[in-house]
Amino acid sequence: MIFRYTNLETCHEAMGMVVVIDVIRAFTNAAFAFSRGAKEIYPVSTVEEAMKFKAELPNSLACGEIGGIPPEGFDFGNSPTHTNTLDLN
């Protein structure tokens, strides 16, 4: 079995079975966040945008990952195993 990484620039070249893991994980994480009391989730495009948003919105949290690791300043990653223990009420 051969694994190939693709992104938005190269996804049109993908062949065979395609699995989109990060999107599935992010949406699963969002479902857990809502189940733990999150009122709103604001998707952003960059780490900088997330940190700016977090700084401007009191009591907000930043979650996400780059290469499987939460960027510096983020509160947690995309793993539902972290989100499912939070009290977001």
PDB file of N, CA and C in Angstrom:
ATOM      1  N   MET A   1       0.844  -1.170   0.000  1.00  0.00           N
ATOM      2  CA  MET A   1       0.000   0.000   0.000  1.00  0.00           C
ATOM      3  C   MET A   1       0.893   1.237   0.000  1.00  0.00           C
ATOM      4  N   ILE A   2       0.583   2.180  -0.847  1.00  0.00           N
ATOM      5  CA  ILE A   2       1.349   3.415  -0.948  1.00  0.00           C
ATOM      6  C   ILE A   2       0.484   4.568  -0.461  1.00  0.00           C
ATOM      7  N   PHE A   3       1.031   5.377   0.429  1.00  0.00           N
ATOM      8  CA  PHE A   3       0.329   6.552   0.931  1.00  0.00           C
ATOM      9  C   PHE A   3       0.959   7.787   0.317  1.00  0.00           C
ATOM     10  N   ARG A   4       0.111   8.671  -0.144  1.00  0.00           N
ATOM     11  CA  ARG A   4       0.588   9.950  -0.679  1.00  0.00           C
ATOM     12  C   ARG A   4      -0.189  11.076  -0.012  1.00  0.00           C
ATOM     13  N   TYR A   5       0.535  12.086   0.409  1.00  0.00           N
ATOM     14  CA  TYR A   5      -0.078  13.263   1.015  1.00  0.00           C
ATOM     15  C   TYR A   5      -0.463  14.234  -0.092  1.00  0.00           C
ATOM     16  N   THR A   6      -1.630  14.825   0.045  1.00  0.00           N
ATOM     17  CA  THR A   6      -2.046  15.865  -0.889  1.00  0.00           C
ATOM     18  C   THR A   6      -2.617  17.034  -0.099  1.00  0.00           C
ATOM     19  N   ASN A   7      -2.733  18.164  -0.737  1.00  0.00           N
ATOM     20  CA  ASN A   7      -3.304  19.343  -0.098  1.00  0.00           C
ATOM     21  C   ASN A   7      -4.220  20.032  -1.103  1.00  0.00           C
ATOM     22  N   LEU A   8      -4.658  21.232  -0.801  1.00  0.00           N
ATOM     23  CA  LEU A   8      -5.585  21.919  -1.705  1.00  0.00           C
ATOM     24  C   LEU A   8      -4.983  22.198  -3.074  1.00  0.00           C
ATOM     25  N   GLU A   9      -3.679  22.382  -3.136  1.00  0.00           N
ATOM     26  CA  GLU A   9      -3.045  22.664  -4.418  1.00  0.00           C
ATOM     27  C   GLU A   9      -2.893  21.409  -5.284  1.00  0.00           C
ATOM     28  N   THR A  10      -2.764  20.245  -4.655  1.00  0.00           N
ATOM     29  CA  THR A  10      -2.503  19.017  -5.413  1.00  0.00           C
ATOM     30  C   THR A  10      -3.631  17.997  -5.354  1.00  0.00           C
ATOM     31  N   CYS A  11      -4.716  18.305  -4.667  1.00  0.00           N
ATOM     32  CA  CYS A  11      -5.780  17.308  -4.489  1.00  0.00           C
ATOM     33  C   CYS A  11      -6.419  16.871  -5.810  1.00  0.00           C
ATOM     34  N   HIS A  12      -6.387  17.706  -6.830  1.00  0.00           N
ATOM     35  CA  HIS A  12      -6.963  17.324  -8.125  1.00  0.00           C
ATOM     36  C   HIS A  12      -6.179  16.186  -8.780  1.00  0.00           C
ATOM     37  N   GLU A  13      -4.994  15.905  -8.283  1.00  0.00           N
ATOM     38  CA  GLU A  13      -4.169  14.824  -8.816  1.00  0.00           C
ATOM     39  C   GLU A  13      -4.391  13.498  -8.092  1.00  0.00           C
ATOM     40  N   ALA A  14      -5.162  13.492  -7.010  1.00  0.00           N
ATOM     41  CA  ALA A  14      -5.362  12.284  -6.204  1.00  0.00           C
ATOM     42  C   ALA A  14      -6.047  11.202  -7.027  1.00  0.00           C
ATOM     43  N   MET A  15      -5.578   9.975  -6.840  1.00  0.00           N
ATOM     44  CA  MET A  15      -6.138   8.832  -7.560  1.00  0.00           C
ATOM     45  C   MET A  15      -6.390   7.701  -6.565  1.00  0.00           C
ATOM     46  N   GLY A  16      -7.291   6.805  -6.900  1.00  0.00           N
ATOM     47  CA  GLY A  16      -7.576   5.675  -6.029  1.00  0.00           C
ATOM     48  C   GLY A  16      -8.427   6.101  -4.849  1.00  0.00           C
ATOM     49  N   MET A  17      -8.260   5.418  -3.738  1.00  0.00           N
ATOM     50  CA  MET A  17      -9.027   5.742  -2.544  1.00  0.00           C
ATOM     51  C   MET A  17      -8.446   6.995  -1.898  1.00  0.00           C
ATOM     52  N   VAL A  18      -9.313   7.925  -1.545  1.00  0.00           N
ATOM     53  CA  VAL A  18      -8.890   9.164  -0.911  1.00  0.00           C
ATOM     54  C   VAL A  18      -9.541   9.246   0.460  1.00  0.00           C
ATOM     55  N   VAL A  19      -8.748   9.470   1.493  1.00  0.00           N
ATOM     56  CA  VAL A  19      -9.255   9.600   2.852  1.00  0.00           C
ATOM     57  C   VAL A  19      -8.878  10.987   3.342  1.00  0.00           C
ATOM     58  N   VAL A  20      -9.872  11.731   3.793  1.00  0.00           N
ATOM     59  CA  VAL A  20      -9.651  13.080   4.312  1.00  0.00           C
ATOM     60  C   VAL A  20      -9.763  12.997   5.820  1.00  0.00           C
ATOM     61  N   ILE A  21      -8.628  12.851   6.472  1.00  0.00           N
ATOM     62  CA  ILE A  21      -8.622  12.616   7.914  1.00  0.00           C
ATOM     63  C   ILE A  21      -8.810  13.905   8.702  1.00  0.00           C
ATOM     64  N   ASP A  22      -8.089  14.951   8.377  1.00  0.00           N
ATOM     65  CA  ASP A  22      -8.153  16.173   9.176  1.00  0.00           C
ATOM     66  C   ASP A  22      -9.549  16.774   9.201  1.00  0.00           C
ATOM     67  N   VAL A  23     -10.233  16.774   8.093  1.00  0.00           N
ATOM     68  CA  VAL A  23     -11.579  17.344   8.068  1.00  0.00           C
ATOM     69  C   VAL A  23     -12.516  16.525   8.933  1.00  0.00           C
ATOM     70  N   ILE A  24     -12.449  15.220   8.816  1.00  0.00           N
ATOM     71  CA  ILE A  24     -13.310  14.361   9.624  1.00  0.00           C
ATOM     72  C   ILE A  24     -13.027  14.580  11.100  1.00  0.00           C
ATOM     73  N   ARG A  25     -11.767  14.634  11.456  1.00  0.00           N
ATOM     74  CA  ARG A  25     -11.379  14.839  12.850  1.00  0.00           C
ATOM     75  C   ARG A  25     -11.833  16.206  13.356  1.00  0.00           C
ATOM     76  N   ALA A  26     -11.676  17.222  12.549  1.00  0.00           N
ATOM     77  CA  ALA A  26     -12.080  18.568  12.957  1.00  0.00           C
ATOM     78  C   ALA A  26     -13.586  18.637  13.202  1.00  0.00           C
ATOM     79  N   PHE A  27     -14.366  18.025  12.326  1.00  0.00           N
ATOM     80  CA  PHE A  27     -15.822  18.060  12.520  1.00  0.00           C
ATOM     81  C   PHE A  27     -16.261  17.187  13.680  1.00  0.00           C
ATOM     82  N   THR A  28     -15.569  16.087  13.914  1.00  0.00           N
ATOM     83  CA  THR A  28     -15.861  15.273  15.097  1.00  0.00           C
ATOM     84  C   THR A  28     -15.542  16.080  16.344  1.00  0.00           C
ATOM     85  N   ASN A  29     -14.427  16.773  16.325  1.00  0.00           N
ATOM     86  CA  ASN A  29     -14.040  17.609  17.457  1.00  0.00           C
ATOM     87  C   ASN A  29     -15.085  18.702  17.692  1.00  0.00           C
ATOM     88  N   ALA A  30     -15.596  19.290  16.617  1.00  0.00           N
ATOM     89  CA  ALA A  30     -16.641  20.321  16.744  1.00  0.00           C
ATOM     90  C   ALA A  30     -17.887  19.737  17.399  1.00  0.00           C
ATOM     91  N   ALA A  31     -18.276  18.534  17.019  1.00  0.00           N
ATOM     92  CA  ALA A  31     -19.453  17.896  17.625  1.00  0.00           C
ATOM     93  C   ALA A  31     -19.235  17.692  19.116  1.00  0.00           C
ATOM     94  N   PHE A  32     -18.036  17.253  19.503  1.00  0.00           N
ATOM     95  CA  PHE A  32     -17.738  17.095  20.926  1.00  0.00           C
ATOM     96  C   PHE A  32     -17.763  18.440  21.630  1.00  0.00           C
ATOM     97  N   ALA A  33     -17.216  19.479  21.008  1.00  0.00           N
ATOM     98  CA  ALA A  33     -17.210  20.809  21.632  1.00  0.00           C
ATOM     99  C   ALA A  33     -18.634  21.287  21.883  1.00  0.00           C
ATOM    100  N   PHE A  34     -19.509  21.110  20.913  1.00  0.00           N
ATOM    101  CA  PHE A  34     -20.915  21.505  21.111  1.00  0.00           C
ATOM    102  C   PHE A  34     -21.553  20.668  22.221  1.00  0.00           C
ATOM    103  N   SER A  35     -21.227  19.386  22.279  1.00  0.00           N
ATOM    104  CA  SER A  35     -21.813  18.535  23.320  1.00  0.00           C
ATOM    105  C   SER A  35     -21.318  18.915  24.709  1.00  0.00           C
ATOM    106  N   ARG A  36     -20.151  19.575  24.776  1.00  0.00           N
ATOM    107  CA  ARG A  36     -19.580  19.995  26.062  1.00  0.00           C
ATOM    108  C   ARG A  36     -19.957  21.430  26.421  1.00  0.00           C
ATOM    109  N   GLY A  37     -20.811  22.072  25.595  1.00  0.00           N
ATOM    110  CA  GLY A  37     -21.320  23.394  25.946  1.00  0.00           C
ATOM    111  C   GLY A  37     -20.871  24.542  25.071  1.00  0.00           C
ATOM    112  N   ALA A  38     -20.050  24.300  24.049  1.00  0.00           N
ATOM    113  CA  ALA A  38     -19.641  25.397  23.157  1.00  0.00           C
ATOM    114  C   ALA A  38     -20.885  25.995  22.508  1.00  0.00           C
ATOM    115  N   LYS A  39     -20.922  27.300  22.428  1.00  0.00           N
ATOM    116  CA  LYS A  39     -22.071  27.995  21.826  1.00  0.00           C
ATOM    117  C   LYS A  39     -21.861  28.257  20.347  1.00  0.00           C
ATOM    118  N   GLU A  40     -20.621  28.527  19.955  1.00  0.00           N
ATOM    119  CA  GLU A  40     -20.311  28.852  18.561  1.00  0.00           C
ATOM    120  C   GLU A  40     -18.904  28.376  18.236  1.00  0.00           C
ATOM    121  N   ILE A  41     -18.695  28.074  16.972  1.00  0.00           N
ATOM    122  CA  ILE A  41     -17.365  27.735  16.471  1.00  0.00           C
ATOM    123  C   ILE A  41     -17.131  28.573  15.221  1.00  0.00           C
ATOM    124  N   TYR A  42     -15.984  29.230  15.178  1.00  0.00           N
ATOM    125  CA  TYR A  42     -15.634  30.085  14.052  1.00  0.00           C
ATOM    126  C   TYR A  42     -14.434  29.498  13.314  1.00  0.00           C
ATOM    127  N   PRO A  43     -14.641  28.853  12.184  1.00  0.00           N
ATOM    128  CA  PRO A  43     -13.496  28.352  11.416  1.00  0.00           C
ATOM    129  C   PRO A  43     -12.675  29.517  10.849  1.00  0.00           C
ATOM    130  N   VAL A  44     -11.367  29.381  10.893  1.00  0.00           N
ATOM    131  CA  VAL A  44     -10.470  30.390  10.338  1.00  0.00           C
ATOM    132  C   VAL A  44      -9.457  29.697   9.434  1.00  0.00           C
ATOM    133  N   SER A  45      -8.730  30.475   8.666  1.00  0.00           N
ATOM    134  CA  SER A  45      -7.820  29.908   7.670  1.00  0.00           C
ATOM    135  C   SER A  45      -6.374  29.784   8.127  1.00  0.00           C
ATOM    136  N   THR A  46      -5.972  30.607   9.084  1.00  0.00           N
ATOM    137  CA  THR A  46      -4.561  30.618   9.472  1.00  0.00           C
ATOM    138  C   THR A  46      -4.409  30.655  10.992  1.00  0.00           C
ATOM    139  N   VAL A  47      -3.231  30.287  11.448  1.00  0.00           N
ATOM    140  CA  VAL A  47      -2.911  30.378  12.876  1.00  0.00           C
ATOM    141  C   VAL A  47      -3.007  31.830  13.321  1.00  0.00           C
ATOM    142  N   GLU A  48      -2.498  32.732  12.509  1.00  0.00           N
ATOM    143  CA  GLU A  48      -2.528  34.153  12.857  1.00  0.00           C
ATOM    144  C   GLU A  48      -3.964  34.645  13.018  1.00  0.00           C
ATOM    145  N   GLU A  49      -4.836  34.239  12.118  1.00  0.00           N
ATOM    146  CA  GLU A  49      -6.236  34.640  12.202  1.00  0.00           C
ATOM    147  C   GLU A  49      -6.873  34.081  13.476  1.00  0.00           C
ATOM    148  N   ALA A  50      -6.552  32.839  13.815  1.00  0.00           N
ATOM    149  CA  ALA A  50      -7.091  32.235  15.040  1.00  0.00           C
ATOM    150  C   ALA A  50      -6.619  32.990  16.276  1.00  0.00           C
ATOM    151  N   MET A  51      -5.337  33.338  16.324  1.00  0.00           N
ATOM    152  CA  MET A  51      -4.804  34.034  17.498  1.00  0.00           C
ATOM    153  C   MET A  51      -5.370  35.452  17.614  1.00  0.00           C
ATOM    154  N   LYS A  52      -5.568  36.114  16.487  1.00  0.00           N
ATOM    155  CA  LYS A  52      -6.172  37.450  16.497  1.00  0.00           C
ATOM    156  C   LYS A  52      -7.611  37.360  16.995  1.00  0.00           C
ATOM    157  N   PHE A  53      -8.342  36.379  16.490  1.00  0.00           N
ATOM    158  CA  PHE A  53      -9.729  36.178  16.906  1.00  0.00           C
ATOM    159  C   PHE A  53      -9.797  35.884  18.398  1.00  0.00           C
ATOM    160  N   LYS A  54      -8.918  35.008  18.877  1.00  0.00           N
ATOM    161  CA  LYS A  54      -8.882  34.657  20.299  1.00  0.00           C
ATOM    162  C   LYS A  54      -8.590  35.884  21.164  1.00  0.00           C
ATOM    163  N   ALA A  55      -7.680  36.735  20.716  1.00  0.00           N
ATOM    164  CA  ALA A  55      -7.324  37.937  21.477  1.00  0.00           C
ATOM    165  C   ALA A  55      -8.475  38.939  21.528  1.00  0.00           C
ATOM    166  N   GLU A  56      -9.288  38.960  20.487  1.00  0.00           N
ATOM    167  CA  GLU A  56     -10.377  39.942  20.413  1.00  0.00           C
ATOM    168  C   GLU A  56     -11.686  39.463  21.043  1.00  0.00           C
ATOM    169  N   LEU A  57     -11.829  38.161  21.250  1.00  0.00           N
ATOM    170  CA  LEU A  57     -13.080  37.616  21.777  1.00  0.00           C
ATOM    171  C   LEU A  57     -12.832  37.011  23.158  1.00  0.00           C
ATOM    172  N   PRO A  58     -13.276  37.679  24.218  1.00  0.00           N
ATOM    173  CA  PRO A  58     -13.046  37.173  25.568  1.00  0.00           C
ATOM    174  C   PRO A  58     -13.623  35.763  25.746  1.00  0.00           C
ATOM    175  N   ASN A  59     -12.958  34.964  26.549  1.00  0.00           N
ATOM    176  CA  ASN A  59     -13.376  33.601  26.884  1.00  0.00           C
ATOM    177  C   ASN A  59     -13.396  32.660  25.691  1.00  0.00           C
ATOM    178  N   SER A  60     -12.672  32.982  24.639  1.00  0.00           N
ATOM    179  CA  SER A  60     -12.619  32.082  23.493  1.00  0.00           C
ATOM    180  C   SER A  60     -11.403  31.171  23.616  1.00  0.00           C
ATOM    181  N   LEU A  61     -11.452  30.063  22.922  1.00  0.00           N
ATOM    182  CA  LEU A  61     -10.363  29.101  22.893  1.00  0.00           C
ATOM    183  C   LEU A  61      -9.967  28.867  21.439  1.00  0.00           C
ATOM    184  N   ALA A  62      -8.706  28.596  21.214  1.00  0.00           N
ATOM    185  CA  ALA A  62      -8.239  28.252  19.874  1.00  0.00           C
ATOM    186  C   ALA A  62      -7.912  26.763  19.849  1.00  0.00           C
ATOM    187  N   CYS A  63      -8.448  26.078  18.861  1.00  0.00           N
ATOM    188  CA  CYS A  63      -8.097  24.673  18.707  1.00  0.00           C
ATOM    189  C   CYS A  63      -7.775  24.406  17.254  1.00  0.00           C
ATOM    190  N   GLY A  64      -6.889  23.474  17.031  1.00  0.00           N
ATOM    191  CA  GLY A  64      -6.480  23.119  15.688  1.00  0.00           C
ATOM    192  C   GLY A  64      -5.079  22.555  15.716  1.00  0.00           C
ATOM    193  N   GLU A  65      -4.619  22.117  14.561  1.00  0.00           N
ATOM    194  CA  GLU A  65      -3.303  21.503  14.471  1.00  0.00           C
ATOM    195  C   GLU A  65      -2.643  21.827  13.143  1.00  0.00           C
ATOM    196  N   ILE A  66      -1.342  21.821  13.171  1.00  0.00           N
ATOM    197  CA  ILE A  66      -0.543  21.884  11.949  1.00  0.00           C
ATOM    198  C   ILE A  66       0.408  20.697  12.039  1.00  0.00           C
ATOM    199  N   GLY A  67       0.302  19.804  11.081  1.00  0.00           N
ATOM    200  CA  GLY A  67       1.138  18.607  11.127  1.00  0.00           C
ATOM    201  C   GLY A  67       0.853  17.743  12.341  1.00  0.00           C
ATOM    202  N   GLY A  68      -0.388  17.780  12.844  1.00  0.00           N
ATOM    203  CA  GLY A  68      -0.768  16.957  13.985  1.00  0.00           C
ATOM    204  C   GLY A  68      -0.447  17.545  15.341  1.00  0.00           C
ATOM    205  N   ILE A  69       0.071  18.773  15.375  1.00  0.00           N
ATOM    206  CA  ILE A  69       0.463  19.404  16.640  1.00  0.00           C
ATOM    207  C   ILE A  69      -0.223  20.760  16.757  1.00  0.00           C
ATOM    208  N   PRO A  70      -0.823  21.054  17.932  1.00  0.00           N
ATOM    209  CA  PRO A  70      -1.414  22.381  18.117  1.00  0.00           C
ATOM    210  C   PRO A  70      -0.335  23.463  18.040  1.00  0.00           C
ATOM    211  N   PRO A  71      -0.577  24.530  17.294  1.00  0.00           N
ATOM    212  CA  PRO A  71       0.395  25.629  17.238  1.00  0.00           C
ATOM    213  C   PRO A  71       0.564  26.291  18.607  1.00  0.00           C
ATOM    214  N   GLU A  72       1.674  26.943  18.792  1.00  0.00           N
ATOM    215  CA  GLU A  72       1.937  27.664  20.035  1.00  0.00           C
ATOM    216  C   GLU A  72       0.818  28.669  20.279  1.00  0.00           C
ATOM    217  N   GLY A  73       0.304  28.686  21.502  1.00  0.00           N
ATOM    218  CA  GLY A  73      -0.773  29.599  21.869  1.00  0.00           C
ATOM    219  C   GLY A  73      -2.162  28.999  21.727  1.00  0.00           C
ATOM    220  N   PHE A  74      -2.281  27.845  21.082  1.00  0.00           N
ATOM    221  CA  PHE A  74      -3.577  27.182  20.963  1.00  0.00           C
ATOM    222  C   PHE A  74      -3.885  26.464  22.272  1.00  0.00           C
ATOM    223  N   ASP A  75      -5.150  26.351  22.582  1.00  0.00           N
ATOM    224  CA  ASP A  75      -5.573  25.717  23.828  1.00  0.00           C
ATOM    225  C   ASP A  75      -5.601  24.194  23.727  1.00  0.00           C
ATOM    226  N   PHE A  76      -5.882  23.671  22.563  1.00  0.00           N
ATOM    227  CA  PHE A  76      -5.859  22.235  22.332  1.00  0.00           C
ATOM    228  C   PHE A  76      -5.888  21.970  20.835  1.00  0.00           C
ATOM    229  N   GLY A  77      -5.682  20.720  20.467  1.00  0.00           N
ATOM    230  CA  GLY A  77      -5.643  20.343  19.060  1.00  0.00           C
ATOM    231  C   GLY A  77      -7.007  19.958  18.527  1.00  0.00           C
ATOM    232  N   ASN A  78      -7.010  19.100  17.509  1.00  0.00           N
ATOM    233  CA  ASN A  78      -8.254  18.647  16.879  1.00  0.00           C
ATOM    234  C   ASN A  78      -8.740  17.323  17.437  1.00  0.00           C
ATOM    235  N   SER A  79      -8.174  16.838  18.513  1.00  0.00           N
ATOM    236  CA  SER A  79      -8.540  15.520  19.011  1.00  0.00           C
ATOM    237  C   SER A  79      -9.756  15.581  19.922  1.00  0.00           C
ATOM    238  N   PRO A  80     -10.793  14.828  19.589  1.00  0.00           N
ATOM    239  CA  PRO A  80     -11.957  14.749  20.475  1.00  0.00           C
ATOM    240  C   PRO A  80     -11.587  14.203  21.852  1.00  0.00           C
ATOM    241  N   THR A  81     -10.478  13.487  21.976  1.00  0.00           N
ATOM    242  CA  THR A  81     -10.085  12.984  23.302  1.00  0.00           C
ATOM    243  C   THR A  81      -9.704  14.132  24.241  1.00  0.00           C
ATOM    244  N   HIS A  82      -9.342  15.281  23.692  1.00  0.00           N
ATOM    245  CA  HIS A  82      -9.081  16.449  24.540  1.00  0.00           C
ATOM    246  C   HIS A  82     -10.372  17.211  24.803  1.00  0.00           C
ATOM    247  N   THR A  83     -11.196  17.342  23.788  1.00  0.00           N
ATOM    248  CA  THR A  83     -12.416  18.142  23.882  1.00  0.00           C
ATOM    249  C   THR A  83     -13.478  17.495  24.756  1.00  0.00           C
ATOM    250  N   ASN A  84     -13.542  16.178  24.759  1.00  0.00           N
ATOM    251  CA  ASN A  84     -14.645  15.511  25.461  1.00  0.00           C
ATOM    252  C   ASN A  84     -14.566  15.618  26.980  1.00  0.00           C
ATOM    253  N   THR A  85     -13.510  16.214  27.517  1.00  0.00           N
ATOM    254  CA  THR A  85     -13.399  16.395  28.964  1.00  0.00           C
ATOM    255  C   THR A  85     -13.550  17.858  29.375  1.00  0.00           C
ATOM    256  N   LEU A  86     -13.726  18.751  28.420  1.00  0.00           N
ATOM    257  CA  LEU A  86     -13.809  20.186  28.715  1.00  0.00           C
ATOM    258  C   LEU A  86     -15.184  20.573  29.239  1.00  0.00           C
ATOM    259  N   ASP A  87     -15.233  21.590  30.072  1.00  0.00           N
ATOM    260  CA  ASP A  87     -16.496  22.207  30.468  1.00  0.00           C
ATOM    261  C   ASP A  87     -16.558  23.540  29.746  1.00  0.00           C
ATOM    262  N   LEU A  88     -17.350  23.604  28.675  1.00  0.00           N
ATOM    263  CA  LEU A  88     -17.417  24.791  27.851  1.00  0.00           C
ATOM    264  C   LEU A  88     -18.698  25.597  28.084  1.00  0.00           C
ATOM    265  N   ASN A  89     -19.348  25.349  29.180  1.00  0.00           N
ATOM    266  CA  ASN A  89     -20.571  26.103  29.494  1.00  0.00           C
ATOM    267  C   ASN A  89     -20.252  27.494  29.962  1.00  0.00           C
TER     268      ASN A  89
END
